[in-house]
Amino acid sequence: MIWFNVCNLFIEDENMAIAKKINQIVEAFELWRKNRVSRRSATPQALRQQAVDLLEHCSSSKVTAMLRISGTQLKQWREAVEPSPTSSDFIRLPGQGAREPVANEHLSVELRLCNGAALTLSGDISQAFLVAMIQEVRS
């Protein structure tokens, strides 16, 4: 039986990755401030992009407070900078002893949601159906 706990499977790992990313960006801003030539030095484009990318995970007020920038700066950067692709894009990696997926396999799948609800499926379930179901639950 395949069992998915959607809350733990996706949210905990994602929150840890986001917290690590935020800390790295805050440290990058602090390092730049310590090493810049003058207080009027323009913020590097890479740091601007990182600040804008944080808006996917945090409110603008939290971003400005964490990075010690003004709301006006962040707004201008957001308007001028295209957000970069997220690091959560799926990349298929070959597993040890990986095999080609079979179109339909007889499986038993139990999906438990954060609210305590459970969904059990069994029978010929395609990999595409499972992926679509998990993506729908995550959204």
C-alpha atoms as a PDB file:
ATOM      1  CA  MET A   1       0.000   0.000   0.000  1.00  0.00           C
ATOM      2  CA  ILE A   2       1.247   3.489  -0.854  1.00  0.00           C
ATOM      3  CA  TRP A   3       0.446   6.047   1.846  1.00  0.00           C
ATOM      4  CA  PHE A   4       0.725   9.815   1.441  1.00  0.00           C
ATOM      5  CA  ASN A   5       0.513  12.228   4.343  1.00  0.00           C
ATOM      6  CA  VAL A   6       0.167  15.422   2.348  1.00  0.00           C
ATOM      7  CA  CYS A   7       0.764  17.732   5.316  1.00  0.00           C
ATOM      8  CA  ASN A   8       4.054  16.197   6.357  1.00  0.00           C
ATOM      9  CA  LEU A   9       5.287  15.133   2.937  1.00  0.00           C
ATOM     10  CA  PHE A  10       5.230  18.521   1.269  1.00  0.00           C
ATOM     11  CA  ILE A  11       4.744  21.266   3.839  1.00  0.00           C
ATOM     12  CA  GLU A  12       7.539  20.463   6.324  1.00  0.00           C
ATOM     13  CA  ASP A  13      10.223  20.041   3.671  1.00  0.00           C
ATOM     14  CA  GLU A  14       9.024  23.127   1.831  1.00  0.00           C
ATOM     15  CA  ASN A  15       8.957  25.284   4.992  1.00  0.00           C
ATOM     16  CA  MET A  16      12.487  24.226   5.925  1.00  0.00           C
ATOM     17  CA  ALA A  17      13.741  25.045   2.436  1.00  0.00           C
ATOM     18  CA  ILE A  18      11.998  28.433   2.496  1.00  0.00           C
ATOM     19  CA  ALA A  19      13.433  29.296   5.927  1.00  0.00           C
ATOM     20  CA  LYS A  20      16.928  28.369   4.735  1.00  0.00           C
ATOM     21  CA  LYS A  21      16.478  30.454   1.574  1.00  0.00           C
ATOM     22  CA  ILE A  22      15.298  33.472   3.615  1.00  0.00           C
ATOM     23  CA  ASN A  23      18.298  33.227   5.947  1.00  0.00           C
ATOM     24  CA  GLN A  24      20.693  33.054   3.002  1.00  0.00           C
ATOM     25  CA  ILE A  25      19.144  36.134   1.403  1.00  0.00           C
ATOM     26  CA  VAL A  26      19.220  38.112   4.673  1.00  0.00           C
ATOM     27  CA  GLU A  27      22.890  37.169   5.108  1.00  0.00           C
ATOM     28  CA  ALA A  28      23.653  38.186   1.504  1.00  0.00           C
ATOM     29  CA  PHE A  29      22.099  41.628   2.079  1.00  0.00           C
ATOM     30  CA  GLU A  30      24.076  42.079   5.306  1.00  0.00           C
ATOM     31  CA  LEU A  31      27.333  41.043   3.618  1.00  0.00           C
ATOM     32  CA  TRP A  32      26.685  43.491   0.775  1.00  0.00           C
ATOM     33  CA  ARG A  33      25.983  46.308   3.259  1.00  0.00           C
ATOM     34  CA  LYS A  34      29.265  45.639   5.077  1.00  0.00           C
ATOM     35  CA  ASN A  35      31.299  45.627   1.854  1.00  0.00           C
ATOM     36  CA  ARG A  36      29.658  48.351  -0.258  1.00  0.00           C
ATOM     37  CA  VAL A  37      31.675  51.412  -1.201  1.00  0.00           C
ATOM     38  CA  SER A  38      29.144  53.957   0.086  1.00  0.00           C
ATOM     39  CA  ARG A  39      25.636  54.110   1.507  1.00  0.00           C
ATOM     40  CA  ARG A  40      24.451  55.382  -1.872  1.00  0.00           C
ATOM     41  CA  SER A  41      25.711  52.309  -3.755  1.00  0.00           C
ATOM     42  CA  ALA A  42      22.969  50.723  -5.828  1.00  0.00           C
ATOM     43  CA  THR A  43      21.705  47.359  -4.656  1.00  0.00           C
ATOM     44  CA  PRO A  44      23.076  44.624  -6.931  1.00  0.00           C
ATOM     45  CA  GLN A  45      20.606  43.162  -9.409  1.00  0.00           C
ATOM     46  CA  ALA A  46      21.018  39.652  -7.963  1.00  0.00           C
ATOM     47  CA  LEU A  47      19.961  40.868  -4.501  1.00  0.00           C
ATOM     48  CA  ARG A  48      17.005  42.734  -5.976  1.00  0.00           C
ATOM     49  CA  GLN A  49      15.896  39.548  -7.730  1.00  0.00           C
ATOM     50  CA  GLN A  50      16.192  37.547  -4.513  1.00  0.00           C
ATOM     51  CA  ALA A  51      14.115  40.120  -2.624  1.00  0.00           C
ATOM     52  CA  VAL A  52      11.394  39.966  -5.283  1.00  0.00           C
ATOM     53  CA  ASP A  53      11.474  36.151  -5.234  1.00  0.00           C
ATOM     54  CA  LEU A  54      10.761  36.212  -1.486  1.00  0.00           C
ATOM     55  CA  LEU A  55       7.363  37.760  -2.241  1.00  0.00           C
ATOM     56  CA  GLU A  56       6.233  34.286  -3.324  1.00  0.00           C
ATOM     57  CA  HIS A  57       6.580  33.159   0.297  1.00  0.00           C
ATOM     58  CA  CYS A  58       6.258  36.276   2.480  1.00  0.00           C
ATOM     59  CA  SER A  59       4.276  39.484   2.584  1.00  0.00           C
ATOM     60  CA  SER A  60       5.968  42.643   1.344  1.00  0.00           C
ATOM     61  CA  SER A  61       6.035  44.064   4.885  1.00  0.00           C
ATOM     62  CA  LYS A  62       7.915  40.999   6.150  1.00  0.00           C
ATOM     63  CA  VAL A  63      10.365  41.142   3.245  1.00  0.00           C
ATOM     64  CA  THR A  64      11.104  44.832   3.830  1.00  0.00           C
ATOM     65  CA  ALA A  65      11.564  44.271   7.572  1.00  0.00           C
ATOM     66  CA  MET A  66      13.836  41.225   7.155  1.00  0.00           C
ATOM     67  CA  LEU A  67      15.998  42.819   4.466  1.00  0.00           C
ATOM     68  CA  ARG A  68      15.860  46.340   5.933  1.00  0.00           C
ATOM     69  CA  ILE A  69      14.727  47.932   2.679  1.00  0.00           C
ATOM     70  CA  SER A  70      11.912  50.365   1.976  1.00  0.00           C
ATOM     71  CA  GLY A  71       8.554  49.379   0.581  1.00  0.00           C
ATOM     72  CA  THR A  72       9.148  51.778  -2.299  1.00  0.00           C
ATOM     73  CA  GLN A  73      12.390  50.013  -3.211  1.00  0.00           C
ATOM     74  CA  LEU A  74      10.730  46.618  -3.173  1.00  0.00           C
ATOM     75  CA  LYS A  75       7.845  47.867  -5.300  1.00  0.00           C
ATOM     76  CA  GLN A  76      10.227  49.355  -7.876  1.00  0.00           C
ATOM     77  CA  TRP A  77      12.285  46.158  -7.960  1.00  0.00           C
ATOM     78  CA  ARG A  78       9.162  44.039  -8.361  1.00  0.00           C
ATOM     79  CA  GLU A  79       8.022  46.138 -11.322  1.00  0.00           C
ATOM     80  CA  ALA A  80      11.469  46.089 -12.957  1.00  0.00           C
ATOM     81  CA  VAL A  81      12.492  42.490 -12.345  1.00  0.00           C
ATOM     82  CA  GLU A  82      10.989  39.347 -13.801  1.00  0.00           C
ATOM     83  CA  PRO A  83      10.762  36.653 -11.109  1.00  0.00           C
ATOM     84  CA  SER A  84      13.116  33.743 -11.677  1.00  0.00           C
ATOM     85  CA  PRO A  85      11.812  30.175 -11.960  1.00  0.00           C
ATOM     86  CA  THR A  86      11.116  28.589  -8.602  1.00  0.00           C
ATOM     87  CA  SER A  87      13.491  26.039  -7.237  1.00  0.00           C
ATOM     88  CA  SER A  88      10.605  23.671  -6.605  1.00  0.00           C
ATOM     89  CA  ASP A  89      10.317  22.699 -10.277  1.00  0.00           C
ATOM     90  CA  PHE A  90      10.131  18.933 -10.592  1.00  0.00           C
ATOM     91  CA  ILE A  91      13.214  17.208 -11.934  1.00  0.00           C
ATOM     92  CA  ARG A  92      12.962  13.479 -12.533  1.00  0.00           C
ATOM     93  CA  LEU A  93      15.983  11.605 -11.230  1.00  0.00           C
ATOM     94  CA  PRO A  94      16.633   7.962 -12.000  1.00  0.00           C
ATOM     95  CA  GLY A  95      16.262   5.851  -8.876  1.00  0.00           C
ATOM     96  CA  GLN A  96      18.329   2.850  -7.975  1.00  0.00           C
ATOM     97  CA  GLY A  97      16.813  -0.098  -9.783  1.00  0.00           C
ATOM     98  CA  ALA A  98      14.383   2.234 -11.518  1.00  0.00           C
ATOM     99  CA  ARG A  99      12.054   0.719 -14.045  1.00  0.00           C
ATOM    100  CA  GLU A 100       9.900   2.126 -16.768  1.00  0.00           C
ATOM    101  CA  PRO A 101       6.442   3.027 -15.438  1.00  0.00           C
ATOM    102  CA  VAL A 102       3.686   0.664 -16.394  1.00  0.00           C
ATOM    103  CA  ALA A 103       0.613   2.349 -17.872  1.00  0.00           C
ATOM    104  CA  ASN A 104      -1.700   0.858 -15.257  1.00  0.00           C
ATOM    105  CA  GLU A 105      -0.772  -1.108 -12.178  1.00  0.00           C
ATOM    106  CA  HIS A 106      -2.948  -2.694  -9.549  1.00  0.00           C
ATOM    107  CA  LEU A 107      -2.260  -0.480  -6.560  1.00  0.00           C
ATOM    108  CA  SER A 108      -3.809   0.418  -3.273  1.00  0.00           C
ATOM    109  CA  VAL A 109      -3.318   4.081  -2.360  1.00  0.00           C
ATOM    110  CA  GLU A 110      -4.379   5.834   0.823  1.00  0.00           C
ATOM    111  CA  LEU A 111      -4.280   9.630   0.890  1.00  0.00           C
ATOM    112  CA  ARG A 112      -4.612  11.357   4.276  1.00  0.00           C
ATOM    113  CA  LEU A 113      -5.329  15.082   4.324  1.00  0.00           C
ATOM    114  CA  CYS A 114      -4.457  17.647   6.983  1.00  0.00           C
ATOM    115  CA  ASN A 115      -8.086  17.883   8.082  1.00  0.00           C
ATOM    116  CA  GLY A 116      -8.186  14.168   8.912  1.00  0.00           C
ATOM    117  CA  ALA A 117     -10.070  13.099   5.800  1.00  0.00           C
ATOM    118  CA  ALA A 118      -8.793   9.988   4.049  1.00  0.00           C
ATOM    119  CA  LEU A 119      -9.224   8.718   0.512  1.00  0.00           C
ATOM    120  CA  THR A 120      -8.452   5.114  -0.403  1.00  0.00           C
ATOM    121  CA  LEU A 121      -8.126   4.004  -4.010  1.00  0.00           C
ATOM    122  CA  SER A 122      -7.354   0.543  -5.274  1.00  0.00           C
ATOM    123  CA  GLY A 123      -7.271  -1.106  -8.642  1.00  0.00           C
ATOM    124  CA  ASP A 124      -5.651  -0.173 -11.924  1.00  0.00           C
ATOM    125  CA  ILE A 125      -4.328   3.320 -11.220  1.00  0.00           C
ATOM    126  CA  SER A 126      -2.090   5.096 -13.702  1.00  0.00           C
ATOM    127  CA  GLN A 127       0.949   7.067 -12.659  1.00  0.00           C
ATOM    128  CA  ALA A 128      -0.482  10.122 -14.428  1.00  0.00           C
ATOM    129  CA  PHE A 129      -3.648   9.890 -12.337  1.00  0.00           C
ATOM    130  CA  LEU A 130      -1.640   9.721  -9.093  1.00  0.00           C
ATOM    131  CA  VAL A 131       0.486  12.706 -10.080  1.00  0.00           C
ATOM    132  CA  ALA A 132      -2.596  14.736 -11.046  1.00  0.00           C
ATOM    133  CA  MET A 133      -4.324  13.835  -7.775  1.00  0.00           C
ATOM    134  CA  ILE A 134      -1.336  14.843  -5.640  1.00  0.00           C
ATOM    135  CA  GLN A 135      -0.877  18.110  -7.534  1.00  0.00           C
ATOM    136  CA  GLU A 136      -4.555  18.940  -7.076  1.00  0.00           C
ATOM    137  CA  VAL A 137      -4.361  18.307  -3.331  1.00  0.00           C
ATOM    138  CA  ARG A 138      -1.240  20.479  -3.041  1.00  0.00           C
ATOM    139  CA  SER A 139      -2.893  23.454  -4.776  1.00  0.00           C
END
